[in-house]
Amino acid sequence: MKHTLAFISLLAISPLTFAEDVAQMGLVSLDTSASMDVENDELITRLQVFEQGKDPAKLTDMVNKKTALVLDAVKNFNAIQAETSNYTTQPVYDDGKIASWRVSQQLTLETRQFDQMSQFIADINTLANIQSMQFMVSDDRAEKVKTDLLKQAIRKFKDKAQLVSTEFDRSGYEIVSISIDGNSFTPMPMMERANMMSADMRVKAAPAALAGGSNEISVNVRGNIKLNQ
């Protein structure tokens, strides 16, 4: 019983003792951040050319011809980069038996000129379907913004550290550890709008207005400082 009471007393005293030790050492944890809404300047669009029917060889030929026409059309838009990917031939089953075949080819398009993408999609509306559209901040713009935000966050950290040092009547501080991280912003998906726009274009064959929106980019600075006496 005495051993149990002694153990409980030790648990009750230890947190206070630890806090006093930390206070005497002058260790303080700080964190700061800086953020900014940045206009999206890049658009990634994924298109799909597909055909479905009984003869996979004929379907393949049709898809290849349509894809070639799409790639020829994109040559008229010097601000759009295009590449093909994910070519598939799949059986379509009905009651456990192959009823038909589906052949598809995916194309990925990237641009910073939204008006060119809009016109291009209108031009090839009978050849391909829009799978998705994503507006995002380009890598070079994101890095530039993060550099500026990092400077702001570091200034805030130093100001906060100096404030703590002054308010505790210490002569200054030393940085014990620092960690820096920037967020990985999520590109703005435009799946629903893309589907609506695709259906509209098939009727009107006219360019649609594209608004890129913005993403928030932030940088965080965390660290520990030691207050001088």
Protein backbone atom coordinates (compact mmCIF):
# COMPACT_ATOMS: atom_id res chain seq x y z
CA MET A 1 0.00 0.00 0.00
CA LYS A 2 2.87 2.39 0.82
CA HIS A 3 4.48 1.63 -2.52
CA THR A 4 1.21 2.47 -4.32
CA LEU A 5 0.85 5.82 -2.52
CA ALA A 6 4.44 6.70 -3.31
CA PHE A 7 3.87 5.94 -6.99
CA ILE A 8 0.72 8.13 -7.11
CA SER A 9 2.57 10.99 -5.40
CA LEU A 10 5.37 10.75 -7.96
CA LEU A 11 2.89 10.99 -10.85
CA ALA A 12 1.29 14.07 -9.29
CA ILE A 13 4.59 15.88 -8.80
CA SER A 14 6.37 14.94 -12.03
CA PRO A 15 4.40 17.23 -14.45
CA LEU A 16 5.06 20.28 -12.26
CA THR A 17 8.70 19.43 -11.95
CA PHE A 18 8.94 18.99 -15.73
CA ALA A 19 7.22 22.35 -16.35
CA GLU A 20 9.58 24.09 -13.95
CA ASP A 21 12.57 22.54 -15.69
CA VAL A 22 11.31 23.73 -19.08
CA ALA A 23 10.74 27.23 -17.71
CA GLN A 24 14.24 27.32 -16.25
CA MET A 25 15.71 26.18 -19.57
CA GLY A 26 13.69 28.88 -21.36
CA LEU A 27 12.42 26.62 -24.16
CA VAL A 28 9.49 27.96 -26.15
CA SER A 29 7.65 26.44 -29.15
CA LEU A 30 6.43 28.85 -31.81
CA ASP A 31 4.63 28.58 -35.12
CA THR A 32 3.72 31.11 -37.80
CA SER A 33 2.21 31.00 -41.26
CA ALA A 34 1.59 33.13 -44.32
CA SER A 35 -0.96 32.48 -47.05
CA MET A 36 -2.27 33.97 -50.28
CA ASP A 37 -5.03 33.30 -52.80
CA VAL A 38 -3.34 32.80 -56.16
CA GLU A 39 -5.11 32.92 -59.50
CA ASN A 40 -4.97 29.63 -61.38
CA ASP A 41 -2.98 30.02 -64.58
CA GLU A 42 -2.91 26.48 -65.94
CA LEU A 43 -5.65 24.24 -67.31
CA ILE A 44 -5.44 20.49 -67.80
CA THR A 45 -8.16 18.86 -69.88
CA ARG A 46 -8.60 15.14 -70.45
CA LEU A 47 -10.46 13.99 -73.52
CA GLN A 48 -11.62 10.53 -74.57
CA VAL A 49 -12.15 9.21 -78.07
CA PHE A 50 -14.18 6.01 -78.04
CA GLU A 51 -16.25 3.69 -80.19
CA GLN A 52 -18.40 0.69 -79.32
CA GLY A 53 -19.55 -2.12 -81.61
CA LYS A 54 -19.15 -5.71 -82.68
CA ASP A 55 -15.87 -5.63 -84.59
CA PRO A 56 -12.88 -4.58 -82.44
CA ALA A 57 -10.63 -4.21 -85.51
CA LYS A 58 -12.99 -1.72 -87.15
CA LEU A 59 -13.46 0.10 -83.82
CA THR A 60 -9.70 0.41 -83.44
CA ASP A 61 -9.40 1.90 -86.91
CA MET A 62 -12.20 4.41 -86.20
CA VAL A 63 -10.67 5.49 -82.88
CA ASN A 64 -7.24 5.87 -84.45
CA LYS A 65 -8.63 8.06 -87.24
CA LYS A 66 -10.56 10.26 -84.79
CA THR A 67 -7.53 10.60 -82.56
CA ALA A 68 -5.41 11.62 -85.54
CA LEU A 69 -7.95 14.31 -86.43
CA VAL A 70 -7.89 15.64 -82.85
CA LEU A 71 -4.09 15.78 -82.87
CA ASP A 72 -4.13 17.54 -86.24
CA ALA A 73 -6.62 20.09 -84.89
CA VAL A 74 -4.48 20.87 -81.84
CA LYS A 75 -1.63 21.92 -84.13
CA ASN A 76 -3.63 25.06 -84.86
CA PHE A 77 -3.27 26.12 -81.21
CA ASN A 78 0.37 26.80 -80.35
CA ALA A 79 -0.34 27.32 -76.63
CA ILE A 80 -1.79 23.82 -76.13
CA GLN A 81 0.39 20.79 -75.46
CA ALA A 82 -1.16 17.38 -76.16
CA GLU A 83 -0.23 13.78 -75.46
CA THR A 84 -2.03 10.45 -75.78
CA SER A 85 -2.37 7.82 -73.07
CA ASN A 86 -4.49 4.92 -71.79
CA TYR A 87 -5.46 3.14 -75.00
CA THR A 88 -7.86 0.34 -74.10
CA THR A 89 -9.91 -2.37 -75.79
CA GLN A 90 -12.54 -3.89 -73.50
CA PRO A 91 -15.35 -6.40 -73.94
CA VAL A 92 -18.88 -5.36 -72.98
CA TYR A 93 -20.81 -8.23 -71.39
CA ASP A 94 -24.51 -9.08 -71.45
CA ASP A 95 -25.72 -12.03 -69.36
CA GLY A 96 -22.14 -13.21 -68.95
CA LYS A 97 -21.40 -13.18 -72.69
CA ILE A 98 -19.50 -10.69 -74.80
CA ALA A 99 -22.12 -8.54 -76.50
CA SER A 100 -19.82 -5.89 -77.97
CA TRP A 101 -16.45 -4.20 -77.69
CA ARG A 102 -15.41 -0.75 -76.54
CA VAL A 103 -12.20 0.87 -77.75
CA SER A 104 -11.02 4.14 -76.22
CA GLN A 105 -8.08 6.52 -76.35
CA GLN A 106 -7.39 9.21 -73.76
CA LEU A 107 -5.71 12.52 -74.56
CA THR A 108 -4.29 14.99 -72.04
CA LEU A 109 -4.10 18.67 -72.97
CA GLU A 110 -2.29 21.42 -71.05
CA THR A 111 -2.39 25.17 -71.60
CA ARG A 112 -2.14 28.57 -69.94
CA GLN A 113 -4.31 30.16 -72.60
CA PHE A 114 -7.86 29.32 -71.53
CA ASP A 115 -9.42 30.93 -74.59
CA GLN A 116 -7.44 28.63 -76.89
CA MET A 117 -8.60 25.57 -74.95
CA SER A 118 -12.19 26.75 -75.17
CA GLN A 119 -12.00 27.22 -78.94
CA PHE A 120 -10.18 23.92 -79.46
CA ILE A 121 -12.81 21.96 -77.51
CA ALA A 122 -15.53 23.60 -79.58
CA ASP A 123 -13.71 22.64 -82.79
CA ILE A 124 -13.39 18.93 -81.92
CA ASN A 125 -16.71 18.49 -80.11
CA THR A 126 -17.89 15.77 -82.53
CA LEU A 127 -14.66 13.78 -82.18
CA ALA A 128 -14.04 13.48 -78.44
CA ASN A 129 -15.75 13.69 -75.05
CA ILE A 130 -14.47 15.75 -72.13
CA GLN A 131 -13.57 13.51 -69.18
CA SER A 132 -12.34 16.21 -66.81
CA MET A 133 -10.94 19.72 -66.54
CA GLN A 134 -8.66 21.00 -63.78
CA PHE A 135 -7.54 24.56 -63.14
CA MET A 136 -4.36 24.89 -61.13
CA VAL A 137 -1.45 27.15 -60.26
CA SER A 138 1.56 26.43 -62.46
CA ASP A 139 4.72 25.13 -60.78
CA ASP A 140 6.83 28.20 -61.51
CA ARG A 141 4.17 30.59 -60.19
CA ALA A 142 3.61 28.43 -57.11
CA GLU A 143 7.33 28.37 -56.29
CA LYS A 144 7.62 32.13 -56.65
CA VAL A 145 4.63 32.68 -54.36
CA LYS A 146 5.97 30.18 -51.82
CA THR A 147 9.30 32.01 -51.72
CA ASP A 148 7.56 35.30 -50.93
CA LEU A 149 5.32 33.64 -48.33
CA LEU A 150 8.33 31.95 -46.72
CA LYS A 151 9.98 35.34 -46.22
CA GLN A 152 6.79 36.63 -44.59
CA ALA A 153 6.44 33.59 -42.32
CA ILE A 154 10.09 33.82 -41.21
CA ARG A 155 9.67 37.54 -40.38
CA LYS A 156 6.59 36.68 -38.33
CA PHE A 157 8.50 33.92 -36.51
CA LYS A 158 11.39 36.27 -35.66
CA ASP A 159 8.99 38.99 -34.52
CA LYS A 160 7.12 36.54 -32.32
CA ALA A 161 10.36 35.16 -30.87
CA GLN A 162 11.60 38.68 -30.09
CA LEU A 163 8.27 39.56 -28.47
CA VAL A 164 8.39 36.51 -26.21
CA SER A 165 11.98 37.26 -25.29
CA THR A 166 11.18 40.88 -24.45
CA GLU A 167 8.04 40.13 -22.44
CA PHE A 168 9.93 37.61 -20.30
CA ASP A 169 12.71 40.14 -19.67
CA ARG A 170 15.32 38.04 -21.41
CA SER A 171 18.33 39.43 -23.26
CA GLY A 172 17.51 37.56 -26.46
CA TYR A 173 16.95 34.08 -27.85
CA GLU A 174 18.57 31.29 -29.78
CA ILE A 175 16.85 29.06 -32.34
CA VAL A 176 17.00 25.42 -31.28
CA SER A 177 15.09 23.85 -34.19
CA ILE A 178 13.10 24.95 -37.25
CA SER A 179 10.78 23.16 -39.65
CA ILE A 180 9.26 24.66 -42.79
CA ASP A 181 6.50 23.27 -44.95
CA GLY A 182 4.29 24.53 -47.73
CA ASN A 183 0.88 23.17 -48.56
CA SER A 184 0.15 21.02 -51.58
CA PHE A 185 -2.86 22.84 -52.95
CA THR A 186 -5.60 20.85 -54.65
CA PRO A 187 -6.33 21.66 -58.29
CA MET A 188 -9.86 22.93 -58.88
CA PRO A 189 -11.87 20.11 -60.52
CA MET A 190 -14.38 21.11 -63.18
CA MET A 191 -15.97 17.72 -63.88
CA GLU A 192 -19.61 18.79 -63.71
CA ARG A 193 -19.05 21.97 -65.69
CA ALA A 194 -17.07 20.02 -68.26
CA ASN A 195 -19.93 17.58 -68.81
CA MET A 196 -22.45 20.42 -69.13
CA MET A 197 -20.18 22.32 -71.48
CA SER A 198 -19.59 19.26 -73.62
CA ALA A 199 -23.30 18.68 -74.07
CA ASP A 200 -23.85 22.36 -74.87
CA MET A 201 -21.05 22.44 -77.40
CA ARG A 202 -22.41 19.43 -79.25
CA VAL A 203 -25.51 21.48 -80.00
CA LYS A 204 -24.05 24.95 -80.54
CA ALA A 205 -20.41 24.16 -81.46
CA ALA A 206 -19.38 27.49 -79.89
CA PRO A 207 -16.56 28.31 -77.45
CA ALA A 208 -17.51 28.39 -73.79
CA ALA A 209 -16.15 30.96 -71.35
CA LEU A 210 -13.67 29.40 -68.91
CA ALA A 211 -12.94 30.99 -65.51
CA GLY A 212 -9.92 29.57 -63.71
CA GLY A 213 -10.65 30.69 -60.14
CA SER A 214 -7.91 30.57 -57.52
CA ASN A 215 -6.14 28.34 -54.99
CA GLU A 216 -4.81 29.20 -51.54
CA ILE A 217 -1.10 28.64 -51.07
CA SER A 218 0.39 28.73 -47.57
CA VAL A 219 3.74 28.27 -45.87
CA ASN A 220 4.19 27.29 -42.22
CA VAL A 221 7.24 27.85 -40.02
CA ARG A 222 7.47 25.97 -36.74
CA GLY A 223 10.31 25.80 -34.28
CA ASN A 224 11.72 25.92 -30.78
CA ILE A 225 13.70 28.78 -29.29
CA LYS A 226 15.72 29.05 -26.11
CA LEU A 227 15.46 32.32 -24.18
CA ASN A 228 18.74 33.79 -23.03
CA GLN A 229 19.17 34.93 -19.42
